[in-house]
Amino acid sequence: MKKAIVLLICFASCVFLFGQSDTEEYRDMGGTVVIPNNIIELEDGAFSGNRNIVVVNIPAGVTRIGAGAFRGCERLTAVTMMSGVSIIGEYAFASCKSLTAIIIPVSVTDIGTGAFSGCATLRSVIMSRKTRLAPDVFKGAPVNILYID
């Protein structure tokens, strides 16, 4: 019975978090966030301003990370992004002040304006040369980019 209640609460949270409306927000989740496998897109601003998230795991089923999806997640230190993501929206990870490194899969074709701007500790980025970068993607981030192709 307890497992059923926990699953119901988890399901309700996922529906709330990944619902149809662009205006829905979810700011209370913390620690490690594992995006469910059935999610194909992270809405604009989905986790914006959440200061409790430390780690995010984005599965292969996600094809787009919306604009400002993780903007201002100041404690975010690690992002695992599986191949399948093709677009990282504008300011998706902007002002994630604790993010130090990220591997961007070769499946990513476009990264929006300022996607990693203001990530003051972002030092290491591994990505494809074929990925199109909008202006100011890494503005204010002292990155070294290692190209994997």
N, C-alpha and C. Protein backbone atom coordinates (compact mmCIF):
# COMPACT_ATOMS: atom_id res chain seq x y z
N MET A 1 0.82 -1.19 0.00
CA MET A 1 0.00 0.00 0.00
C MET A 1 0.87 1.26 0.00
N LYS A 2 1.95 1.27 0.82
CA LYS A 2 2.83 2.43 0.87
C LYS A 2 3.48 2.67 -0.49
N LYS A 3 3.90 1.57 -1.18
CA LYS A 3 4.51 1.72 -2.49
C LYS A 3 3.54 2.34 -3.49
N ALA A 4 2.30 1.94 -3.42
CA ALA A 4 1.29 2.49 -4.33
C ALA A 4 1.10 3.98 -4.09
N ILE A 5 1.09 4.39 -2.84
CA ILE A 5 0.93 5.81 -2.52
C ILE A 5 2.14 6.60 -3.00
N VAL A 6 3.34 6.07 -2.76
CA VAL A 6 4.56 6.74 -3.21
C VAL A 6 4.56 6.86 -4.73
N LEU A 7 4.19 5.78 -5.44
CA LEU A 7 4.14 5.83 -6.90
C LEU A 7 3.11 6.84 -7.38
N LEU A 8 1.98 6.89 -6.72
CA LEU A 8 0.94 7.85 -7.08
C LEU A 8 1.44 9.28 -6.90
N ILE A 9 2.11 9.54 -5.80
CA ILE A 9 2.65 10.88 -5.54
C ILE A 9 3.71 11.22 -6.59
N CYS A 10 4.58 10.25 -6.90
CA CYS A 10 5.62 10.46 -7.90
C CYS A 10 4.98 10.74 -9.26
N PHE A 11 3.97 9.95 -9.62
CA PHE A 11 3.28 10.14 -10.89
C PHE A 11 2.63 11.52 -10.95
N ALA A 12 1.98 11.90 -9.87
CA ALA A 12 1.32 13.21 -9.82
C ALA A 12 2.35 14.33 -9.97
N SER A 13 3.51 14.17 -9.35
CA SER A 13 4.57 15.17 -9.49
C SER A 13 5.06 15.25 -10.92
N CYS A 14 5.22 14.10 -11.57
CA CYS A 14 5.68 14.08 -12.96
C CYS A 14 4.65 14.71 -13.87
N VAL A 15 3.39 14.44 -13.65
CA VAL A 15 2.33 15.04 -14.46
C VAL A 15 2.34 16.55 -14.26
N PHE A 16 2.50 16.98 -13.01
CA PHE A 16 2.55 18.40 -12.72
C PHE A 16 3.77 19.04 -13.40
N LEU A 17 4.91 18.38 -13.26
CA LEU A 17 6.16 18.91 -13.78
C LEU A 17 6.18 18.94 -15.30
N PHE A 18 5.69 17.91 -15.93
CA PHE A 18 5.79 17.79 -17.37
C PHE A 18 4.42 17.88 -18.04
N GLY A 19 3.51 18.60 -17.42
CA GLY A 19 2.15 18.74 -17.93
C GLY A 19 2.08 19.53 -19.22
N GLN A 20 0.88 19.79 -19.68
CA GLN A 20 0.65 20.43 -20.96
C GLN A 20 0.87 21.94 -20.92
N SER A 21 0.66 22.56 -19.81
CA SER A 21 0.71 24.01 -19.73
C SER A 21 2.13 24.54 -19.63
N ASP A 22 2.43 25.60 -20.38
CA ASP A 22 3.75 26.22 -20.32
C ASP A 22 3.92 27.06 -19.05
N THR A 23 2.84 27.32 -18.35
CA THR A 23 2.92 28.17 -17.18
C THR A 23 3.18 27.41 -15.89
N GLU A 24 3.12 26.08 -15.96
CA GLU A 24 3.34 25.29 -14.75
C GLU A 24 4.81 25.36 -14.33
N GLU A 25 5.04 25.44 -13.05
CA GLU A 25 6.39 25.49 -12.52
C GLU A 25 6.55 24.42 -11.45
N TYR A 26 7.78 23.99 -11.29
CA TYR A 26 8.08 23.01 -10.26
C TYR A 26 9.42 23.37 -9.67
N ARG A 27 9.42 23.94 -8.48
CA ARG A 27 10.66 24.47 -7.91
C ARG A 27 11.10 23.76 -6.63
N ASP A 28 10.36 22.79 -6.16
CA ASP A 28 10.68 22.19 -4.86
C ASP A 28 11.56 20.95 -4.94
N MET A 29 11.66 20.33 -6.11
CA MET A 29 12.44 19.11 -6.25
C MET A 29 13.91 19.44 -6.00
N GLY A 30 14.62 18.56 -5.32
CA GLY A 30 16.02 18.82 -5.03
C GLY A 30 16.86 17.58 -5.18
N GLY A 31 18.16 17.71 -4.92
CA GLY A 31 19.07 16.58 -5.01
C GLY A 31 19.27 16.15 -6.45
N THR A 32 19.08 14.86 -6.71
CA THR A 32 19.23 14.31 -8.05
C THR A 32 17.87 14.24 -8.72
N VAL A 33 17.78 14.81 -9.92
CA VAL A 33 16.55 14.77 -10.69
C VAL A 33 16.76 13.83 -11.87
N VAL A 34 15.93 12.80 -11.94
CA VAL A 34 15.98 11.85 -13.05
C VAL A 34 14.72 12.07 -13.88
N ILE A 35 14.90 12.53 -15.09
CA ILE A 35 13.77 12.76 -15.98
C ILE A 35 13.24 11.40 -16.44
N PRO A 36 11.93 11.18 -16.34
CA PRO A 36 11.36 9.89 -16.77
C PRO A 36 11.61 9.61 -18.26
N ASN A 37 11.73 8.35 -18.61
CA ASN A 37 12.03 7.93 -19.98
C ASN A 37 10.95 8.31 -20.99
N ASN A 38 9.73 8.51 -20.53
CA ASN A 38 8.64 8.80 -21.47
C ASN A 38 8.53 10.29 -21.82
N ILE A 39 9.38 11.12 -21.27
CA ILE A 39 9.35 12.56 -21.54
C ILE A 39 10.17 12.84 -22.79
N ILE A 40 9.60 13.60 -23.74
CA ILE A 40 10.33 13.90 -24.97
C ILE A 40 10.82 15.35 -25.04
N GLU A 41 10.28 16.20 -24.17
CA GLU A 41 10.68 17.60 -24.19
C GLU A 41 10.58 18.19 -22.79
N LEU A 42 11.59 18.94 -22.40
CA LEU A 42 11.54 19.67 -21.14
C LEU A 42 11.02 21.06 -21.46
N GLU A 43 9.91 21.43 -20.89
CA GLU A 43 9.27 22.70 -21.19
C GLU A 43 10.16 23.89 -20.81
N ASP A 44 9.89 25.01 -21.45
CA ASP A 44 10.58 26.25 -21.11
C ASP A 44 10.39 26.54 -19.62
N GLY A 45 11.50 26.80 -18.95
CA GLY A 45 11.46 27.17 -17.53
C GLY A 45 11.06 26.06 -16.58
N ALA A 46 11.08 24.81 -17.01
CA ALA A 46 10.59 23.69 -16.20
C ALA A 46 11.18 23.64 -14.79
N PHE A 47 12.46 23.87 -14.63
CA PHE A 47 13.12 23.81 -13.33
C PHE A 47 13.74 25.16 -12.96
N SER A 48 13.43 26.17 -13.70
CA SER A 48 14.04 27.49 -13.54
C SER A 48 13.98 27.99 -12.09
N GLY A 49 15.13 28.43 -11.61
CA GLY A 49 15.21 29.01 -10.27
C GLY A 49 15.26 28.02 -9.13
N ASN A 50 15.27 26.72 -9.43
CA ASN A 50 15.34 25.73 -8.36
C ASN A 50 16.75 25.70 -7.81
N ARG A 51 16.90 26.13 -6.58
CA ARG A 51 18.23 26.20 -5.97
C ARG A 51 18.58 24.92 -5.20
N ASN A 52 17.76 23.89 -5.33
CA ASN A 52 18.01 22.64 -4.61
C ASN A 52 18.53 21.52 -5.49
N ILE A 53 18.41 21.65 -6.80
CA ILE A 53 18.88 20.60 -7.71
C ILE A 53 20.39 20.58 -7.73
N VAL A 54 20.96 19.37 -7.61
CA VAL A 54 22.41 19.21 -7.64
C VAL A 54 22.84 18.43 -8.88
N VAL A 55 22.08 17.40 -9.25
CA VAL A 55 22.41 16.53 -10.39
C VAL A 55 21.16 16.34 -11.24
N VAL A 56 21.33 16.35 -12.57
CA VAL A 56 20.22 16.09 -13.49
C VAL A 56 20.63 15.00 -14.46
N ASN A 57 19.75 14.01 -14.63
CA ASN A 57 19.96 12.94 -15.60
C ASN A 57 18.88 13.05 -16.67
N ILE A 58 19.30 13.34 -17.91
CA ILE A 58 18.37 13.52 -19.01
C ILE A 58 18.49 12.31 -19.93
N PRO A 59 17.43 11.50 -20.06
CA PRO A 59 17.49 10.26 -20.85
C PRO A 59 17.47 10.51 -22.36
N ALA A 60 17.72 9.45 -23.11
CA ALA A 60 17.79 9.52 -24.57
C ALA A 60 16.47 9.94 -25.21
N GLY A 61 15.36 9.72 -24.56
CA GLY A 61 14.06 10.07 -25.14
C GLY A 61 13.80 11.55 -25.23
N VAL A 62 14.52 12.35 -24.46
CA VAL A 62 14.32 13.80 -24.49
C VAL A 62 15.03 14.35 -25.72
N THR A 63 14.28 15.08 -26.57
CA THR A 63 14.85 15.64 -27.79
C THR A 63 15.13 17.13 -27.69
N ARG A 64 14.45 17.81 -26.77
CA ARG A 64 14.61 19.26 -26.66
C ARG A 64 14.62 19.67 -25.19
N ILE A 65 15.57 20.53 -24.85
CA ILE A 65 15.61 21.15 -23.53
C ILE A 65 15.17 22.59 -23.75
N GLY A 66 14.04 22.95 -23.20
CA GLY A 66 13.42 24.25 -23.44
C GLY A 66 14.21 25.43 -22.92
N ALA A 67 13.82 26.59 -23.40
CA ALA A 67 14.46 27.85 -23.00
C ALA A 67 14.36 28.02 -21.49
N GLY A 68 15.49 28.31 -20.88
CA GLY A 68 15.52 28.57 -19.44
C GLY A 68 15.13 27.39 -18.57
N ALA A 69 15.17 26.18 -19.10
CA ALA A 69 14.71 25.00 -18.36
C ALA A 69 15.39 24.84 -17.01
N PHE A 70 16.68 25.13 -16.93
CA PHE A 70 17.43 24.99 -15.67
C PHE A 70 18.07 26.32 -15.27
N ARG A 71 17.61 27.39 -15.83
CA ARG A 71 18.19 28.71 -15.56
C ARG A 71 18.15 29.03 -14.06
N GLY A 72 19.29 29.44 -13.53
CA GLY A 72 19.35 29.85 -12.13
C GLY A 72 19.37 28.71 -11.13
N CYS A 73 19.63 27.49 -11.59
CA CYS A 73 19.78 26.36 -10.66
C CYS A 73 21.20 26.42 -10.11
N GLU A 74 21.38 27.25 -9.12
CA GLU A 74 22.70 27.63 -8.64
C GLU A 74 23.53 26.49 -8.04
N ARG A 75 22.89 25.44 -7.53
CA ARG A 75 23.63 24.33 -6.93
C ARG A 75 23.87 23.19 -7.91
N LEU A 76 23.38 23.31 -9.14
CA LEU A 76 23.54 22.26 -10.14
C LEU A 76 25.02 22.07 -10.48
N THR A 77 25.54 20.87 -10.17
CA THR A 77 26.95 20.60 -10.41
C THR A 77 27.19 19.63 -11.56
N ALA A 78 26.22 18.77 -11.87
CA ALA A 78 26.42 17.75 -12.89
C ALA A 78 25.16 17.53 -13.71
N VAL A 79 25.37 17.43 -15.03
CA VAL A 79 24.28 17.13 -15.96
C VAL A 79 24.72 15.96 -16.81
N THR A 80 23.93 14.90 -16.81
CA THR A 80 24.17 13.77 -17.71
C THR A 80 23.11 13.85 -18.79
N MET A 81 23.56 14.03 -20.01
CA MET A 81 22.66 14.21 -21.14
C MET A 81 22.94 13.09 -22.14
N MET A 82 21.96 12.23 -22.35
CA MET A 82 22.14 11.11 -23.26
C MET A 82 21.93 11.55 -24.71
N SER A 83 22.49 10.79 -25.62
CA SER A 83 22.30 11.04 -27.04
C SER A 83 20.81 10.95 -27.35
N GLY A 84 20.32 11.87 -28.12
CA GLY A 84 18.89 11.96 -28.43
C GLY A 84 18.46 13.41 -28.36
N VAL A 85 19.06 14.15 -27.44
CA VAL A 85 18.78 15.59 -27.34
C VAL A 85 19.32 16.24 -28.61
N SER A 86 18.49 17.06 -29.28
CA SER A 86 18.96 17.74 -30.48
C SER A 86 19.01 19.25 -30.31
N ILE A 87 18.21 19.79 -29.38
CA ILE A 87 18.19 21.24 -29.20
C ILE A 87 18.30 21.59 -27.71
N ILE A 88 19.20 22.49 -27.42
CA ILE A 88 19.30 23.08 -26.08
C ILE A 88 18.87 24.53 -26.26
N GLY A 89 17.77 24.89 -25.63
CA GLY A 89 17.16 26.20 -25.83
C GLY A 89 17.94 27.36 -25.22
N GLU A 90 17.47 28.56 -25.56
CA GLU A 90 18.09 29.79 -25.06
C GLU A 90 18.12 29.80 -23.53
N TYR A 91 19.26 30.14 -22.98
CA TYR A 91 19.45 30.29 -21.54
C TYR A 91 19.05 29.04 -20.74
N ALA A 92 19.10 27.88 -21.38
CA ALA A 92 18.67 26.64 -20.74
C ALA A 92 19.39 26.36 -19.42
N PHE A 93 20.69 26.63 -19.37
CA PHE A 93 21.48 26.39 -18.17
C PHE A 93 22.15 27.68 -17.68
N ALA A 94 21.64 28.81 -18.09
CA ALA A 94 22.24 30.09 -17.70
C ALA A 94 22.24 30.26 -16.19
N SER A 95 23.30 30.84 -15.70
CA SER A 95 23.46 31.15 -14.27
C SER A 95 23.46 29.92 -13.37
N CYS A 96 23.88 28.79 -13.91
CA CYS A 96 24.08 27.59 -13.09
C CYS A 96 25.52 27.71 -12.56
N LYS A 97 25.65 28.42 -11.47
CA LYS A 97 26.94 28.86 -10.96
C LYS A 97 27.85 27.76 -10.44
N SER A 98 27.32 26.55 -10.21
CA SER A 98 28.14 25.46 -9.69
C SER A 98 28.50 24.42 -10.75
N LEU A 99 28.00 24.60 -11.97
CA LEU A 99 28.28 23.66 -13.05
C LEU A 99 29.72 23.83 -13.50
N THR A 100 30.52 22.74 -13.45
CA THR A 100 31.94 22.85 -13.78
C THR A 100 32.30 22.19 -15.10
N ALA A 101 31.52 21.22 -15.55
CA ALA A 101 31.82 20.50 -16.79
C ALA A 101 30.54 19.93 -17.37
N ILE A 102 30.53 19.79 -18.69
CA ILE A 102 29.38 19.16 -19.34
C ILE A 102 29.83 18.49 -20.64
N ILE A 103 29.24 17.33 -20.90
CA ILE A 103 29.44 16.64 -22.17
C ILE A 103 28.14 16.81 -22.95
N ILE A 104 28.26 17.44 -24.11
CA ILE A 104 27.11 17.67 -24.97
C ILE A 104 27.15 16.61 -26.07
N PRO A 105 26.14 15.74 -26.14
CA PRO A 105 26.18 14.65 -27.12
C PRO A 105 26.22 15.15 -28.56
N VAL A 106 26.76 14.33 -29.46
CA VAL A 106 26.84 14.70 -30.88
C VAL A 106 25.45 14.85 -31.49
N SER A 107 24.43 14.34 -30.86
CA SER A 107 23.06 14.49 -31.38
C SER A 107 22.56 15.92 -31.29
N VAL A 108 23.20 16.75 -30.46
CA VAL A 108 22.78 18.15 -30.31
C VAL A 108 23.22 18.92 -31.55
N THR A 109 22.24 19.46 -32.28
CA THR A 109 22.53 20.21 -33.50
C THR A 109 22.55 21.72 -33.26
N ASP A 110 21.79 22.18 -32.27
CA ASP A 110 21.69 23.62 -32.01
C ASP A 110 21.70 23.92 -30.52
N ILE A 111 22.46 24.95 -30.16
CA ILE A 111 22.45 25.46 -28.79
C ILE A 111 22.08 26.93 -28.87
N GLY A 112 21.03 27.30 -28.14
CA GLY A 112 20.47 28.65 -28.20
C GLY A 112 21.30 29.71 -27.50
N THR A 113 20.95 30.93 -27.78
CA THR A 113 21.61 32.11 -27.21
C THR A 113 21.75 32.00 -25.69
N GLY A 114 22.97 32.23 -25.21
CA GLY A 114 23.23 32.29 -23.78
C GLY A 114 22.95 31.02 -23.00
N ALA A 115 22.88 29.88 -23.67
CA ALA A 115 22.49 28.63 -23.02
C ALA A 115 23.29 28.32 -21.76
N PHE A 116 24.58 28.65 -21.76
CA PHE A 116 25.43 28.41 -20.59
C PHE A 116 26.05 29.72 -20.09
N SER A 117 25.43 30.82 -20.39
CA SER A 117 25.97 32.11 -19.96
C SER A 117 25.86 32.26 -18.44
N GLY A 118 26.82 32.92 -17.88
CA GLY A 118 26.81 33.14 -16.44
C GLY A 118 27.17 31.92 -15.61
N CYS A 119 27.64 30.87 -16.26
CA CYS A 119 28.10 29.68 -15.53
C CYS A 119 29.57 29.91 -15.18
N ALA A 120 29.79 30.66 -14.12
CA ALA A 120 31.11 31.17 -13.78
C ALA A 120 32.16 30.11 -13.47
N THR A 121 31.74 28.88 -13.15
CA THR A 121 32.71 27.83 -12.86
C THR A 121 32.77 26.77 -13.96
N LEU A 122 32.06 26.99 -15.07
CA LEU A 122 32.07 26.03 -16.18
C LEU A 122 33.41 26.12 -16.90
N ARG A 123 34.23 25.10 -16.72
CA ARG A 123 35.57 25.10 -17.26
C ARG A 123 35.76 24.14 -18.43
N SER A 124 34.99 23.06 -18.46
CA SER A 124 35.21 22.01 -19.45
C SER A 124 33.92 21.66 -20.18
N VAL A 125 34.00 21.75 -21.52
CA VAL A 125 32.87 21.38 -22.37
C VAL A 125 33.39 20.43 -23.43
N ILE A 126 32.72 19.31 -23.59
CA ILE A 126 33.04 18.36 -24.65
C ILE A 126 31.84 18.34 -25.58
N MET A 127 32.09 18.60 -26.88
CA MET A 127 30.98 18.71 -27.82
C MET A 127 31.47 18.49 -29.25
N SER A 128 30.53 18.42 -30.18
CA SER A 128 30.83 18.26 -31.60
C SER A 128 31.08 19.62 -32.26
N ARG A 129 31.99 19.63 -33.23
CA ARG A 129 32.22 20.84 -34.02
C ARG A 129 31.00 21.17 -34.88
N LYS A 130 30.17 20.19 -35.15
CA LYS A 130 29.01 20.37 -36.03
C LYS A 130 27.84 21.07 -35.34
N THR A 131 27.89 21.16 -34.04
CA THR A 131 26.81 21.81 -33.29
C THR A 131 26.82 23.31 -33.58
N ARG A 132 25.66 23.84 -33.99
CA ARG A 132 25.53 25.28 -34.25
C ARG A 132 25.34 26.02 -32.93
N LEU A 133 26.15 27.04 -32.75
CA LEU A 133 26.09 27.84 -31.53
C LEU A 133 25.51 29.22 -31.82
N ALA A 134 24.48 29.59 -31.10
CA ALA A 134 23.94 30.94 -31.19
C ALA A 134 24.89 31.89 -30.45
N PRO A 135 24.66 33.19 -30.54
CA PRO A 135 25.54 34.13 -29.84
C PRO A 135 25.55 33.94 -28.32
N ASP A 136 26.70 34.21 -27.75
CA ASP A 136 26.88 34.28 -26.30
C ASP A 136 26.54 32.99 -25.55
N VAL A 137 26.69 31.84 -26.20
CA VAL A 137 26.36 30.56 -25.56
C VAL A 137 27.13 30.40 -24.26
N PHE A 138 28.40 30.74 -24.25
CA PHE A 138 29.24 30.56 -23.07
C PHE A 138 29.69 31.89 -22.46
N LYS A 139 28.92 32.95 -22.66
CA LYS A 139 29.30 34.27 -22.15
C LYS A 139 29.46 34.24 -20.62
N GLY A 140 30.62 34.70 -20.15
CA GLY A 140 30.87 34.73 -18.71
C GLY A 140 31.27 33.37 -18.13
N ALA A 141 31.49 32.41 -18.99
CA ALA A 141 31.93 31.08 -18.55
C ALA A 141 33.34 30.84 -19.09
N PRO A 142 34.31 30.60 -18.21
CA PRO A 142 35.70 30.44 -18.65
C PRO A 142 35.99 29.04 -19.19
N VAL A 143 35.34 28.68 -20.30
CA VAL A 143 35.38 27.29 -20.79
C VAL A 143 36.57 27.00 -21.68
N ASN A 144 36.96 25.76 -21.62
CA ASN A 144 37.86 25.14 -22.59
C ASN A 144 37.01 24.11 -23.30
N ILE A 145 36.96 24.17 -24.61
CA ILE A 145 36.12 23.25 -25.38
C ILE A 145 37.00 22.19 -26.00
N LEU A 146 36.61 20.93 -25.79
CA LEU A 146 37.26 19.79 -26.42
C LEU A 146 36.28 19.24 -27.44
N TYR A 147 36.67 19.25 -28.70
CA TYR A 147 35.79 18.74 -29.75
C TYR A 147 36.00 17.25 -29.95
N ILE A 148 34.90 16.52 -30.08
CA ILE A 148 34.98 15.07 -30.16
C ILE A 148 34.93 14.56 -31.59
N ASP A 149 34.96 15.45 -32.54
CA ASP A 149 35.00 15.01 -33.95
C ASP A 149 35.86 15.94 -34.78
